[in-house]
PDB file of N, CA and C in Angstrom:
ATOM      1  N   UNK A   1       0.851  -1.165   0.000  1.00  0.00           N
ATOM      2  CA  UNK A   1       0.000   0.000   0.000  1.00  0.00           C
ATOM      3  C   UNK A   1       0.897   1.227   0.000  1.00  0.00           C
ATOM      4  N   UNK A   2       0.664   2.138  -0.904  1.00  0.00           N
ATOM      5  CA  UNK A   2       1.415   3.387  -0.935  1.00  0.00           C
ATOM      6  C   UNK A   2       0.929   4.269   0.211  1.00  0.00           C
ATOM      7  N   UNK A   3       1.829   5.077   0.755  1.00  0.00           N
ATOM      8  CA  UNK A   3       1.417   5.916   1.879  1.00  0.00           C
ATOM      9  C   UNK A   3       1.234   7.357   1.422  1.00  0.00           C
ATOM     10  N   UNK A   4       0.441   8.049   2.180  1.00  0.00           N
ATOM     11  CA  UNK A   4       0.213   9.458   1.908  1.00  0.00           C
ATOM     12  C   UNK A   4       1.311  10.275   2.586  1.00  0.00           C
ATOM     13  N   UNK A   5       1.623  11.400   1.997  1.00  0.00           N
ATOM     14  CA  UNK A   5       2.649  12.265   2.579  1.00  0.00           C
ATOM     15  C   UNK A   5       2.036  13.035   3.744  1.00  0.00           C
ATOM     16  N   UNK A   6       2.633  12.890   4.917  1.00  0.00           N
ATOM     17  CA  UNK A   6       2.186  13.627   6.099  1.00  0.00           C
ATOM     18  C   UNK A   6       3.435  14.067   6.845  1.00  0.00           C
ATOM     19  N   UNK A   7       3.647  15.345   6.858  1.00  0.00           N
ATOM     20  CA  UNK A   7       4.842  15.913   7.488  1.00  0.00           C
ATOM     21  C   UNK A   7       4.573  16.102   8.979  1.00  0.00           C
ATOM     22  N   UNK A   8       5.008  15.117   9.766  1.00  0.00           N
ATOM     23  CA  UNK A   8       4.745  15.169  11.208  1.00  0.00           C
ATOM     24  C   UNK A   8       5.503  16.320  11.877  1.00  0.00           C
ATOM     25  N   UNK A   9       6.707  16.596  11.389  1.00  0.00           N
ATOM     26  CA  UNK A   9       7.490  17.689  11.985  1.00  0.00           C
ATOM     27  C   UNK A   9       6.769  19.027  11.798  1.00  0.00           C
ATOM     28  N   UNK A  10       6.295  19.265  10.599  1.00  0.00           N
ATOM     29  CA  UNK A  10       5.582  20.515  10.319  1.00  0.00           C
ATOM     30  C   UNK A  10       4.307  20.583  11.161  1.00  0.00           C
ATOM     31  N   UNK A  11       3.626  19.444  11.319  1.00  0.00           N
ATOM     32  CA  UNK A  11       2.399  19.386  12.098  1.00  0.00           C
ATOM     33  C   UNK A  11       2.686  19.733  13.565  1.00  0.00           C
ATOM     34  N   UNK A  12       3.740  19.123  14.111  1.00  0.00           N
ATOM     35  CA  UNK A  12       4.117  19.395  15.508  1.00  0.00           C
ATOM     36  C   UNK A  12       4.501  20.860  15.671  1.00  0.00           C
ATOM     37  N   UNK A  13       5.249  21.388  14.723  1.00  0.00           N
ATOM     38  CA  UNK A  13       5.677  22.792  14.790  1.00  0.00           C
ATOM     39  C   UNK A  13       4.469  23.720  14.813  1.00  0.00           C
ATOM     40  N   UNK A  14       3.489  23.443  13.984  1.00  0.00           N
ATOM     41  CA  UNK A  14       2.287  24.296  13.937  1.00  0.00           C
ATOM     42  C   UNK A  14       1.503  24.194  15.243  1.00  0.00           C
ATOM     43  N   UNK A  15       1.396  22.969  15.769  1.00  0.00           N
ATOM     44  CA  UNK A  15       0.646  22.801  17.017  1.00  0.00           C
ATOM     45  C   UNK A  15       1.355  23.477  18.194  1.00  0.00           C
ATOM     46  N   UNK A  16       2.658  23.319  18.269  1.00  0.00           N
ATOM     47  CA  UNK A  16       3.387  23.965  19.373  1.00  0.00           C
ATOM     48  C   UNK A  16       3.365  25.478  19.206  1.00  0.00           C
ATOM     49  N   UNK A  17       3.371  25.936  17.980  1.00  0.00           N
ATOM     50  CA  UNK A  17       3.275  27.369  17.717  1.00  0.00           C
ATOM     51  C   UNK A  17       1.926  27.931  18.134  1.00  0.00           C
ATOM     52  N   UNK A  18       0.909  27.077  18.148  1.00  0.00           N
ATOM     53  CA  UNK A  18      -0.427  27.512  18.544  1.00  0.00           C
ATOM     54  C   UNK A  18      -0.645  27.346  20.040  1.00  0.00           C
ATOM     55  N   UNK A  19       0.402  26.873  20.759  1.00  0.00           N
ATOM     56  CA  UNK A  19       0.288  26.805  22.207  1.00  0.00           C
ATOM     57  C   UNK A  19       0.177  25.409  22.784  1.00  0.00           C
ATOM     58  N   UNK A  20       0.179  24.371  21.980  1.00  0.00           N
ATOM     59  CA  UNK A  20       0.101  23.002  22.502  1.00  0.00           C
ATOM     60  C   UNK A  20       1.494  22.585  22.954  1.00  0.00           C
ATOM     61  N   UNK A  21       1.532  21.719  23.981  1.00  0.00           N
ATOM     62  CA  UNK A  21       2.834  21.235  24.448  1.00  0.00           C
ATOM     63  C   UNK A  21       3.449  20.350  23.362  1.00  0.00           C
ATOM     64  N   UNK A  22       4.764  20.275  23.365  1.00  0.00           N
ATOM     65  CA  UNK A  22       5.484  19.482  22.360  1.00  0.00           C
ATOM     66  C   UNK A  22       5.131  18.005  22.492  1.00  0.00           C
ATOM     67  N   UNK A  23       4.965  17.516  23.730  1.00  0.00           N
ATOM     68  CA  UNK A  23       4.625  16.108  23.936  1.00  0.00           C
ATOM     69  C   UNK A  23       3.243  15.787  23.370  1.00  0.00           C
ATOM     70  N   UNK A  24       2.272  16.649  23.671  1.00  0.00           N
ATOM     71  CA  UNK A  24       0.915  16.432  23.147  1.00  0.00           C
ATOM     72  C   UNK A  24       0.912  16.502  21.617  1.00  0.00           C
ATOM     73  N   UNK A  25       1.631  17.470  21.078  1.00  0.00           N
ATOM     74  CA  UNK A  25       1.687  17.628  19.624  1.00  0.00           C
ATOM     75  C   UNK A  25       2.325  16.411  18.976  1.00  0.00           C
ATOM     76  N   UNK A  26       3.369  15.854  19.609  1.00  0.00           N
ATOM     77  CA  UNK A  26       4.041  14.671  19.059  1.00  0.00           C
ATOM     78  C   UNK A  26       3.102  13.469  19.072  1.00  0.00           C
ATOM     79  N   UNK A  27       2.373  13.277  20.180  1.00  0.00           N
ATOM     80  CA  UNK A  27       1.426  12.157  20.264  1.00  0.00           C
ATOM     81  C   UNK A  27       0.330  12.327  19.217  1.00  0.00           C
ATOM     82  N   UNK A  28      -0.178  13.519  19.093  1.00  0.00           N
ATOM     83  CA  UNK A  28      -1.230  13.780  18.105  1.00  0.00           C
ATOM     84  C   UNK A  28      -0.705  13.560  16.688  1.00  0.00           C
ATOM     85  N   UNK A  29       0.508  13.979  16.406  1.00  0.00           N
ATOM     86  CA  UNK A  29       1.101  13.781  15.079  1.00  0.00           C
ATOM     87  C   UNK A  29       1.271  12.298  14.784  1.00  0.00           C
ATOM     88  N   UNK A  30       1.742  11.530  15.763  1.00  0.00           N
ATOM     89  CA  UNK A  30       1.898  10.083  15.573  1.00  0.00           C
ATOM     90  C   UNK A  30       0.541   9.415  15.331  1.00  0.00           C
ATOM     91  N   UNK A  31      -0.456   9.856  16.088  1.00  0.00           N
ATOM     92  CA  UNK A  31      -1.802   9.289  15.937  1.00  0.00           C
ATOM     93  C   UNK A  31      -2.355   9.598  14.552  1.00  0.00           C
ATOM     94  N   UNK A  32      -2.235  10.833  14.126  1.00  0.00           N
ATOM     95  CA  UNK A  32      -2.722  11.205  12.788  1.00  0.00           C
ATOM     96  C   UNK A  32      -1.968  10.447  11.704  1.00  0.00           C
ATOM     97  N   UNK A  33      -0.646  10.328  11.869  1.00  0.00           N
ATOM     98  CA  UNK A  33       0.157   9.609  10.869  1.00  0.00           C
ATOM     99  C   UNK A  33      -0.293   8.152  10.782  1.00  0.00           C
ATOM    100  N   UNK A  34      -0.547   7.538  11.942  1.00  0.00           N
ATOM    101  CA  UNK A  34      -1.012   6.146  11.949  1.00  0.00           C
ATOM    102  C   UNK A  34      -2.388   6.033  11.290  1.00  0.00           C
ATOM    103  N   UNK A  35      -3.273   6.963  11.595  1.00  0.00           N
ATOM    104  CA  UNK A  35      -4.605   6.941  10.978  1.00  0.00           C
ATOM    105  C   UNK A  35      -4.518   7.084   9.467  1.00  0.00           C
ATOM    106  N   UNK A  36      -3.700   8.020   9.046  1.00  0.00           N
ATOM    107  CA  UNK A  36      -3.569   8.246   7.603  1.00  0.00           C
ATOM    108  C   UNK A  36      -2.975   7.015   6.928  1.00  0.00           C
ATOM    109  N   UNK A  37      -1.966   6.434   7.542  1.00  0.00           N
ATOM    110  CA  UNK A  37      -1.306   5.270   6.956  1.00  0.00           C
ATOM    111  C   UNK A  37      -2.211   4.046   6.964  1.00  0.00           C
ATOM    112  N   UNK A  38      -2.897   3.826   8.076  1.00  0.00           N
ATOM    113  CA  UNK A  38      -3.678   2.601   8.242  1.00  0.00           C
ATOM    114  C   UNK A  38      -5.103   2.692   7.704  1.00  0.00           C
ATOM    115  N   UNK A  39      -5.693   3.850   7.739  1.00  0.00           N
ATOM    116  CA  UNK A  39      -7.125   3.942   7.472  1.00  0.00           C
ATOM    117  C   UNK A  39      -7.511   4.556   6.130  1.00  0.00           C
ATOM    118  N   UNK A  40      -6.704   5.428   5.610  1.00  0.00           N
ATOM    119  CA  UNK A  40      -7.080   6.105   4.372  1.00  0.00           C
ATOM    120  C   UNK A  40      -6.550   5.343   3.161  1.00  0.00           C
ATOM    121  N   UNK A  41      -7.378   5.250   2.161  1.00  0.00           N
ATOM    122  CA  UNK A  41      -6.979   4.562   0.930  1.00  0.00           C
ATOM    123  C   UNK A  41      -6.316   5.555  -0.015  1.00  0.00           C
ATOM    124  N   UNK A  42      -5.259   5.104  -0.646  1.00  0.00           N
ATOM    125  CA  UNK A  42      -4.590   5.925  -1.652  1.00  0.00           C
ATOM    126  C   UNK A  42      -5.232   5.668  -3.010  1.00  0.00           C
ATOM    127  N   UNK A  43      -4.819   6.432  -3.990  1.00  0.00           N
ATOM    128  CA  UNK A  43      -5.322   6.201  -5.355  1.00  0.00           C
ATOM    129  C   UNK A  43      -4.945   4.803  -5.834  1.00  0.00           C
ATOM    130  N   UNK A  44      -3.740   4.379  -5.465  1.00  0.00           N
ATOM    131  CA  UNK A  44      -3.305   3.023  -5.834  1.00  0.00           C
ATOM    132  C   UNK A  44      -4.185   1.967  -5.171  1.00  0.00           C
ATOM    133  N   UNK A  45      -4.540   2.209  -3.900  1.00  0.00           N
ATOM    134  CA  UNK A  45      -5.433   1.274  -3.198  1.00  0.00           C
ATOM    135  C   UNK A  45      -6.784   1.197  -3.896  1.00  0.00           C
ATOM    136  N   UNK A  46      -7.310   2.350  -4.254  1.00  0.00           N
ATOM    137  CA  UNK A  46      -8.616   2.401  -4.927  1.00  0.00           C
ATOM    138  C   UNK A  46      -8.531   1.730  -6.293  1.00  0.00           C
ATOM    139  N   UNK A  47      -7.443   1.968  -7.019  1.00  0.00           N
ATOM    140  CA  UNK A  47      -7.276   1.340  -8.337  1.00  0.00           C
ATOM    141  C   UNK A  47      -7.188  -0.180  -8.204  1.00  0.00           C
ATOM    142  N   UNK A  48      -6.446  -0.649  -7.206  1.00  0.00           N
ATOM    143  CA  UNK A  48      -6.333  -2.098  -6.990  1.00  0.00           C
ATOM    144  C   UNK A  48      -7.684  -2.691  -6.613  1.00  0.00           C
ATOM    145  N   UNK A  49      -8.409  -1.986  -5.763  1.00  0.00           N
ATOM    146  CA  UNK A  49      -9.746  -2.448  -5.378  1.00  0.00           C
ATOM    147  C   UNK A  49     -10.668  -2.487  -6.589  1.00  0.00           C
ATOM    148  N   UNK A  50     -10.579  -1.457  -7.411  1.00  0.00           N
ATOM    149  CA  UNK A  50     -11.419  -1.409  -8.616  1.00  0.00           C
ATOM    150  C   UNK A  50     -11.105  -2.592  -9.540  1.00  0.00           C
ATOM    151  N   UNK A  51      -9.824  -2.900  -9.697  1.00  0.00           N
ATOM    152  CA  UNK A  51      -9.438  -4.052 -10.528  1.00  0.00           C
ATOM    153  C   UNK A  51      -9.994  -5.352  -9.953  1.00  0.00           C
ATOM    154  N   UNK A  52      -9.885  -5.499  -8.633  1.00  0.00           N
ATOM    155  CA  UNK A  52     -10.437  -6.700  -7.983  1.00  0.00           C
ATOM    156  C   UNK A  52     -11.943  -6.788  -8.203  1.00  0.00           C
ATOM    157  N   UNK A  53     -12.617  -5.664  -8.026  1.00  0.00           N
ATOM    158  CA  UNK A  53     -14.073  -5.652  -8.206  1.00  0.00           C
ATOM    159  C   UNK A  53     -14.447  -5.945  -9.654  1.00  0.00           C
ATOM    160  N   UNK A  54     -13.698  -5.382 -10.591  1.00  0.00           N
ATOM    161  CA  UNK A  54     -13.968  -5.656 -12.007  1.00  0.00           C
ATOM    162  C   UNK A  54     -13.832  -7.144 -12.308  1.00  0.00           C
ATOM    163  N   UNK A  55     -12.786  -7.769 -11.751  1.00  0.00           N
ATOM    164  CA  UNK A  55     -12.606  -9.218 -11.945  1.00  0.00           C
ATOM    165  C   UNK A  55     -13.768  -9.995 -11.334  1.00  0.00           C
ATOM    166  N   UNK A  56     -14.145  -9.623 -10.125  1.00  0.00           N
ATOM    167  CA  UNK A  56     -15.246 -10.321  -9.448  1.00  0.00           C
ATOM    168  C   UNK A  56     -16.559 -10.137 -10.208  1.00  0.00           C
ATOM    169  N   UNK A  57     -16.826  -8.909 -10.638  1.00  0.00           N
ATOM    170  CA  UNK A  57     -18.059  -8.658 -11.393  1.00  0.00           C
ATOM    171  C   UNK A  57     -18.059  -9.429 -12.704  1.00  0.00           C
ATOM    172  N   UNK A  58     -16.906  -9.498 -13.360  1.00  0.00           N
ATOM    173  CA  UNK A  58     -16.821 -10.266 -14.610  1.00  0.00           C
ATOM    174  C   UNK A  58     -17.113 -11.739 -14.338  1.00  0.00           C
ATOM    175  N   UNK A  59     -16.585 -12.255 -13.233  1.00  0.00           N
ATOM    176  CA  UNK A  59     -16.844 -13.656 -12.877  1.00  0.00           C
ATOM    177  C   UNK A  59     -18.322 -13.875 -12.587  1.00  0.00           C
ATOM    178  N   UNK A  60     -18.929 -12.954 -11.858  1.00  0.00           N
ATOM    179  CA  UNK A  60     -20.361 -13.076 -11.544  1.00  0.00           C
ATOM    180  C   UNK A  60     -21.189 -12.983 -12.816  1.00  0.00           C
ATOM    181  N   UNK A  61     -20.820 -12.056 -13.702  1.00  0.00           N
ATOM    182  CA  UNK A  61     -21.550 -11.944 -14.975  1.00  0.00           C
ATOM    183  C   UNK A  61     -21.438 -13.243 -15.769  1.00  0.00           C
ATOM    184  N   UNK A  62     -20.255 -13.847 -15.754  1.00  0.00           N
ATOM    185  CA  UNK A  62     -20.071 -15.127 -16.442  1.00  0.00           C
ATOM    186  C   UNK A  62     -20.940 -16.217 -15.836  1.00  0.00           C
ATOM    187  N   UNK A  63     -21.008 -16.252 -14.509  1.00  0.00           N
ATOM    188  CA  UNK A  63     -21.852 -17.250 -13.843  1.00  0.00           C
ATOM    189  C   UNK A  63     -23.323 -17.024 -14.175  1.00  0.00           C
ATOM    190  N   UNK A  64     -23.742 -15.770 -14.201  1.00  0.00           N
ATOM    191  CA  UNK A  64     -25.136 -15.459 -14.540  1.00  0.00           C
ATOM    192  C   UNK A  64     -25.429 -15.884 -15.970  1.00  0.00           C
ATOM    193  N   UNK A  65     -24.505 -15.610 -16.888  1.00  0.00           N
ATOM    194  CA  UNK A  65     -24.703 -16.011 -18.288  1.00  0.00           C
ATOM    195  C   UNK A  65     -24.804 -17.529 -18.399  1.00  0.00           C
ATOM    196  N   UNK A  66     -23.952 -18.242 -17.663  1.00  0.00           N
ATOM    197  CA  UNK A  66     -24.000 -19.710 -17.693  1.00  0.00           C
ATOM    198  C   UNK A  66     -25.326 -20.214 -17.136  1.00  0.00           C
ATOM    199  N   UNK A  67     -25.794 -19.607 -16.055  1.00  0.00           N
ATOM    200  CA  UNK A  67     -27.088 -20.000 -15.488  1.00  0.00           C
ATOM    201  C   UNK A  67     -28.227 -19.718 -16.457  1.00  0.00           C
ATOM    202  N   UNK A  68     -28.139 -18.574 -17.139  1.00  0.00           N
ATOM    203  CA  UNK A  68     -29.168 -18.241 -18.134  1.00  0.00           C
ATOM    204  C   UNK A  68     -29.221 -19.300 -19.231  1.00  0.00           C
ATOM    205  N   UNK A  69     -28.049 -19.680 -19.725  1.00  0.00           N
ATOM    206  CA  UNK A  69     -27.997 -20.699 -20.775  1.00  0.00           C
ATOM    207  C   UNK A  69     -28.549 -22.024 -20.268  1.00  0.00           C
ATOM    208  N   UNK A  70     -28.155 -22.392 -19.057  1.00  0.00           N
ATOM    209  CA  UNK A  70     -28.639 -23.649 -18.479  1.00  0.00           C
ATOM    210  C   UNK A  70     -30.157 -23.612 -18.305  1.00  0.00           C
ATOM    211  N   UNK A  71     -30.669 -22.488 -17.834  1.00  0.00           N
ATOM    212  CA  UNK A  71     -32.118 -22.365 -17.646  1.00  0.00           C
ATOM    213  C   UNK A  71     -32.840 -22.396 -18.984  1.00  0.00           C
ATOM    214  N   UNK A  72     -32.263 -21.783 -20.007  1.00  0.00           N
ATOM    215  CA  UNK A  72     -32.871 -21.809 -21.342  1.00  0.00           C
ATOM    216  C   UNK A  72     -32.943 -23.234 -21.862  1.00  0.00           C
ATOM    217  N   UNK A  73     -31.845 -23.976 -21.708  1.00  0.00           N
ATOM    218  CA  UNK A  73     -31.845 -25.376 -22.153  1.00  0.00           C
ATOM    219  C   UNK A  73     -32.881 -26.187 -21.379  1.00  0.00           C
ATOM    220  N   UNK A  74     -32.917 -25.988 -20.073  1.00  0.00           N
ATOM    221  CA  UNK A  74     -33.865 -26.722 -19.229  1.00  0.00           C
ATOM    222  C   UNK A  74     -35.302 -26.364 -19.613  1.00  0.00           C
ATOM    223  N   UNK A  75     -35.551 -25.089 -19.842  1.00  0.00           N
ATOM    224  CA  UNK A  75     -36.892 -24.653 -20.231  1.00  0.00           C
ATOM    225  C   UNK A  75     -37.278 -25.272 -21.570  1.00  0.00           C
ATOM    226  N   UNK A  76     -36.359 -25.262 -22.526  1.00  0.00           N
ATOM    227  CA  UNK A  76     -36.643 -25.843 -23.844  1.00  0.00           C
ATOM    228  C   UNK A  76     -36.920 -27.337 -23.716  1.00  0.00           C
ATOM    229  N   UNK A  77     -36.146 -28.032 -22.882  1.00  0.00           N
ATOM    230  CA  UNK A  77     -36.357 -29.471 -22.691  1.00  0.00           C
ATOM    231  C   UNK A  77     -37.717 -29.735 -22.054  1.00  0.00           C
ATOM    232  N   UNK A  78     -38.063 -28.945 -21.061  1.00  0.00           N
ATOM    233  CA  UNK A  78     -39.368 -29.136 -20.402  1.00  0.00           C
ATOM    234  C   UNK A  78     -40.514 -28.772 -21.337  1.00  0.00           C
ATOM    235  N   UNK A  79     -40.299 -27.764 -22.152  1.00  0.00           N
ATOM    236  CA  UNK A  79     -41.334 -27.381 -23.115  1.00  0.00           C
ATOM    237  C   UNK A  79     -41.539 -28.506 -24.130  1.00  0.00           C
ATOM    238  N   UNK A  80     -40.457 -29.099 -24.614  1.00  0.00           N
ATOM    239  CA  UNK A  80     -40.565 -30.212 -25.565  1.00  0.00           C
ATOM    240  C   UNK A  80     -41.262 -31.400 -24.905  1.00  0.00           C
ATOM    241  N   UNK A  81     -40.907 -31.675 -23.653  1.00  0.00           N
ATOM    242  CA  UNK A  81     -41.545 -32.773 -22.919  1.00  0.00           C
ATOM    243  C   UNK A  81     -43.041 -32.502 -22.745  1.00  0.00           C
ATOM    244  N   UNK A  82     -43.370 -31.272 -22.451  1.00  0.00           N
ATOM    245  CA  UNK A  82     -44.777 -30.892 -22.283  1.00  0.00           C
ATOM    246  C   UNK A  82     -45.542 -31.045 -23.598  1.00  0.00           C
ATOM    247  N   UNK A  83     -44.906 -30.678 -24.704  1.00  0.00           N
ATOM    248  CA  UNK A  83     -45.557 -30.842 -26.009  1.00  0.00           C
ATOM    249  C   UNK A  83     -45.796 -32.317 -26.312  1.00  0.00           C
ATOM    250  N   UNK A  84     -44.833 -33.166 -25.968  1.00  0.00           N
ATOM    251  CA  UNK A  84     -45.018 -34.612 -26.170  1.00  0.00           C
ATOM    252  C   UNK A  84     -46.173 -35.121 -25.313  1.00  0.00           C
ATOM    253  N   UNK A  85     -46.217 -34.683 -24.064  1.00  0.00           N
ATOM    254  CA  UNK A  85     -47.299 -35.104 -23.171  1.00  0.00           C
ATOM    255  C   UNK A  85     -48.658 -34.662 -23.711  1.00  0.00           C
ATOM    256  N   UNK A  86     -48.724 -33.435 -24.216  1.00  0.00           N
ATOM    257  CA  UNK A  86     -49.991 -32.947 -24.795  1.00  0.00           C
ATOM    258  C   UNK A  86     -50.381 -33.769 -26.012  1.00  0.00           C
ATOM    259  N   UNK A  87     -49.405 -34.148 -26.828  1.00  0.00           N
ATOM    260  CA  UNK A  87     -49.695 -34.961 -28.016  1.00  0.00           C
ATOM    261  C   UNK A  87     -50.235 -36.329 -27.603  1.00  0.00           C
ATOM    262  N   UNK A  88     -49.644 -36.922 -26.569  1.00  0.00           N
ATOM    263  CA  UNK A  88     -50.123 -38.221 -26.075  1.00  0.00           C
ATOM    264  C   UNK A  88     -51.544 -38.078 -25.540  1.00  0.00           C
ATOM    265  N   UNK A  89     -51.785 -37.046 -24.759  1.00  0.00           N
ATOM    266  CA  UNK A  89     -53.133 -36.824 -24.227  1.00  0.00           C
ATOM    267  C   UNK A  89     -54.139 -36.603 -25.350  1.00  0.00           C
ATOM    268  N   UNK A  90     -53.739 -35.821 -26.334  1.00  0.00           N
ATOM    269  CA  UNK A  90     -54.626 -35.562 -27.473  1.00  0.00           C
ATOM    270  C   UNK A  90     -54.974 -36.882 -28.176  1.00  0.00           C
ATOM    271  N   UNK A  91     -53.979 -37.732 -28.379  1.00  0.00           N
ATOM    272  CA  UNK A  91     -54.214 -39.034 -29.021  1.00  0.00           C
ATOM    273  C   UNK A  91     -55.153 -39.891 -28.180  1.00  0.00           C
ATOM    274  N   UNK A  92     -54.941 -39.881 -26.869  1.00  0.00           N
ATOM    275  CA  UNK A  92     -55.818 -40.659 -25.993  1.00  0.00           C
ATOM    276  C   UNK A  92     -57.248 -40.136 -26.033  1.00  0.00           C
ATOM    277  N   UNK A  93     -57.391 -38.830 -26.047  1.00  0.00           N
ATOM    278  CA  UNK A  93     -58.741 -38.239 -26.118  1.00  0.00           C
ATOM    279  C   UNK A  93     -59.407 -38.615 -27.429  1.00  0.00           C
ATOM    280  N   UNK A  94     -58.681 -38.493 -28.537  1.00  0.00           N
ATOM    281  CA  UNK A  94     -59.255 -38.864 -29.839  1.00  0.00           C
ATOM    282  C   UNK A  94     -59.634 -40.344 -29.861  1.00  0.00           C
ATOM    283  N   UNK A  95     -58.800 -41.195 -29.259  1.00  0.00           N
ATOM    284  CA  UNK A  95     -59.097 -42.629 -29.215  1.00  0.00           C
ATOM    285  C   UNK A  95     -60.355 -42.883 -28.393  1.00  0.00           C
ATOM    286  N   UNK A  96     -60.503 -42.184 -27.281  1.00  0.00           N
ATOM    287  CA  UNK A  96     -61.701 -42.370 -26.456  1.00  0.00           C
ATOM    288  C   UNK A  96     -62.948 -41.854 -27.167  1.00  0.00           C
ATOM    289  N   UNK A  97     -62.799 -40.751 -27.867  1.00  0.00           N
ATOM    290  CA  UNK A  97     -63.943 -40.234 -28.637  1.00  0.00           C
ATOM    291  C   UNK A  97     -64.320 -41.235 -29.720  1.00  0.00           C
ATOM    292  N   UNK A  98     -63.314 -41.747 -30.416  1.00  0.00           N
ATOM    293  CA  UNK A  98     -63.584 -42.734 -31.471  1.00  0.00           C
ATOM    294  C   UNK A  98     -64.225 -43.978 -30.876  1.00  0.00           C
ATOM    295  N   UNK A  99     -63.727 -44.428 -29.732  1.00  0.00           N
ATOM    296  CA  UNK A  99     -64.304 -45.605 -29.067  1.00  0.00           C
ATOM    297  C   UNK A  99     -65.747 -45.308 -28.651  1.00  0.00           C
ATOM    298  N   UNK A 100     -65.973 -44.107 -28.128  1.00  0.00           N
ATOM    299  CA  UNK A 100     -67.335 -43.714 -27.747  1.00  0.00           C
ATOM    300  C   UNK A 100     -68.253 -43.669 -28.949  1.00  0.00           C
ATOM    301  N   UNK A 101     -67.763 -43.131 -30.059  1.00  0.00           N
ATOM    302  CA  UNK A 101     -68.565 -43.089 -31.290  1.00  0.00           C
ATOM    303  C   UNK A 101     -68.866 -44.499 -31.784  1.00  0.00           C
ATOM    304  N   UNK A 102     -67.867 -45.378 -31.729  1.00  0.00           N
ATOM    305  CA  UNK A 102     -68.055 -46.763 -32.150  1.00  0.00           C
ATOM    306  C   UNK A 102     -69.084 -47.453 -31.263  1.00  0.00           C
ATOM    307  N   UNK A 103     -68.981 -47.228 -29.967  1.00  0.00           N
ATOM    308  CA  UNK A 103     -69.945 -47.828 -29.037  1.00  0.00           C
ATOM    309  C   UNK A 103     -71.344 -47.312 -29.321  1.00  0.00           C
ATOM    310  N   UNK A 104     -71.456 -46.030 -29.653  1.00  0.00           N
ATOM    311  CA  UNK A 104     -72.763 -45.454 -29.976  1.00  0.00           C
ATOM    312  C   UNK A 104     -73.315 -46.079 -31.244  1.00  0.00           C
ATOM    313  N   UNK A 105     -72.480 -46.242 -32.256  1.00  0.00           N
ATOM    314  CA  UNK A 105     -72.918 -46.850 -33.519  1.00  0.00           C
ATOM    315  C   UNK A 105     -73.368 -48.288 -33.279  1.00  0.00           C
ATOM    316  N   UNK A 106     -72.602 -49.024 -32.486  1.00  0.00           N
ATOM    317  CA  UNK A 106     -72.965 -50.418 -32.192  1.00  0.00           C
ATOM    318  C   UNK A 106     -74.292 -50.465 -31.442  1.00  0.00           C
ATOM    319  N   UNK A 107     -74.448 -49.583 -30.465  1.00  0.00           N
ATOM    320  CA  UNK A 107     -75.692 -49.547 -29.697  1.00  0.00           C
ATOM    321  C   UNK A 107     -76.861 -49.184 -30.595  1.00  0.00           C
ATOM    322  N   UNK A 108     -76.679 -48.191 -31.447  1.00  0.00           N
ATOM    323  CA  UNK A 108     -77.752 -47.789 -32.367  1.00  0.00           C
ATOM    324  C   UNK A 108     -78.071 -48.914 -33.347  1.00  0.00           C
ATOM    325  N   UNK A 109     -77.045 -49.611 -33.794  1.00  0.00           N
ATOM    326  CA  UNK A 109     -77.279 -50.741 -34.706  1.00  0.00           C
ATOM    327  C   UNK A 109     -78.096 -51.820 -34.012  1.00  0.00           C
ATOM    328  N   UNK A 110     -77.762 -52.082 -32.766  1.00  0.00           N
ATOM    329  CA  UNK A 110     -78.506 -53.097 -32.011  1.00  0.00           C
ATOM    330  C   UNK A 110     -79.945 -52.659 -31.800  1.00  0.00           C
ATOM    331  N   UNK A 111     -80.127 -51.385 -31.470  1.00  0.00           N
ATOM    332  CA  UNK A 111     -81.485 -50.857 -31.269  1.00  0.00           C
ATOM    333  C   UNK A 111     -82.266 -50.935 -32.569  1.00  0.00           C
ATOM    334  N   UNK A 112     -81.620 -50.584 -33.685  1.00  0.00           N
ATOM    335  CA  UNK A 112     -82.305 -50.643 -34.986  1.00  0.00           C
ATOM    336  C   UNK A 112     -82.663 -52.082 -35.339  1.00  0.00           C
ATOM    337  N   UNK A 113     -81.756 -53.021 -35.001  1.00  0.00           N
ATOM    338  CA  UNK A 113     -82.039 -54.431 -35.253  1.00  0.00           C
ATOM    339  C   UNK A 113     -83.252 -54.896 -34.461  1.00  0.00           C
ATOM    340  N   UNK A 114     -83.328 -54.487 -33.216  1.00  0.00           N
ATOM    341  CA  UNK A 114     -84.464 -54.858 -32.370  1.00  0.00           C
ATOM    342  C   UNK A 114     -85.736 -54.235 -32.917  1.00  0.00           C
ATOM    343  N   UNK A 115     -85.656 -52.975 -33.321  1.00  0.00           N
ATOM    344  CA  UNK A 115     -86.833 -52.288 -33.865  1.00  0.00           C
ATOM    345  C   UNK A 115     -87.296 -52.947 -35.161  1.00  0.00           C
ATOM    346  N   UNK A 116     -86.345 -53.330 -35.993  1.00  0.00           N
ATOM    347  CA  UNK A 116     -86.711 -53.981 -37.253  1.00  0.00           C
ATOM    348  C   UNK A 116     -87.383 -55.330 -36.988  1.00  0.00           C
ATOM    349  N   UNK A 117     -86.917 -56.034 -35.989  1.00  0.00           N
ATOM    350  CA  UNK A 117     -87.544 -57.318 -35.646  1.00  0.00           C
ATOM    351  C   UNK A 117     -88.956 -57.095 -35.110  1.00  0.00           C
ATOM    352  N   UNK A 118     -89.107 -56.049 -34.314  1.00  0.00           N
ATOM    353  CA  UNK A 118     -90.424 -55.771 -33.751  1.00  0.00           C
ATOM    354  C   UNK A 118     -91.399 -55.307 -34.832  1.00  0.00           C
ATOM    355  N   UNK A 119     -90.886 -54.560 -35.766  1.00  0.00           N
ATOM    356  CA  UNK A 119     -91.740 -54.027 -36.827  1.00  0.00           C
ATOM    357  C   UNK A 119     -91.907 -55.021 -37.962  1.00  0.00           C
ATOM    358  N   UNK A 120     -91.065 -55.910 -38.049  1.00  0.00           N
ATOM    359  CA  UNK A 120     -90.971 -56.698 -39.158  1.00  0.00           C
ATOM    360  C   UNK A 120     -91.543 -57.895 -39.545  1.00  0.00           C
TER     361      UNK A 120
END
């Protein structure tokens, strides 16, 4: 991590010039220097963080794209399966209708046969 420039001597000189004791000014200068060094991010720190974030975001975008493709394939497979199921159901319905029509024709034929015998 690059450090920020902080002139502790100049800081102490200004504080003592304003009436603070040299010991207090030295402690305050050390504290500020530590805060600046440890807590504040430099431009290099921000640039490195940005690069890390860009890499992470690119990885997440790649994962999202892969999930999208997987979901599209899964959706297409389920849609095809659903179409097959509908076709089977349609065939079964048509077969039952045809069977019902055949049963009706047979029943009507039997009724007509009975009527013809009665009338005949």
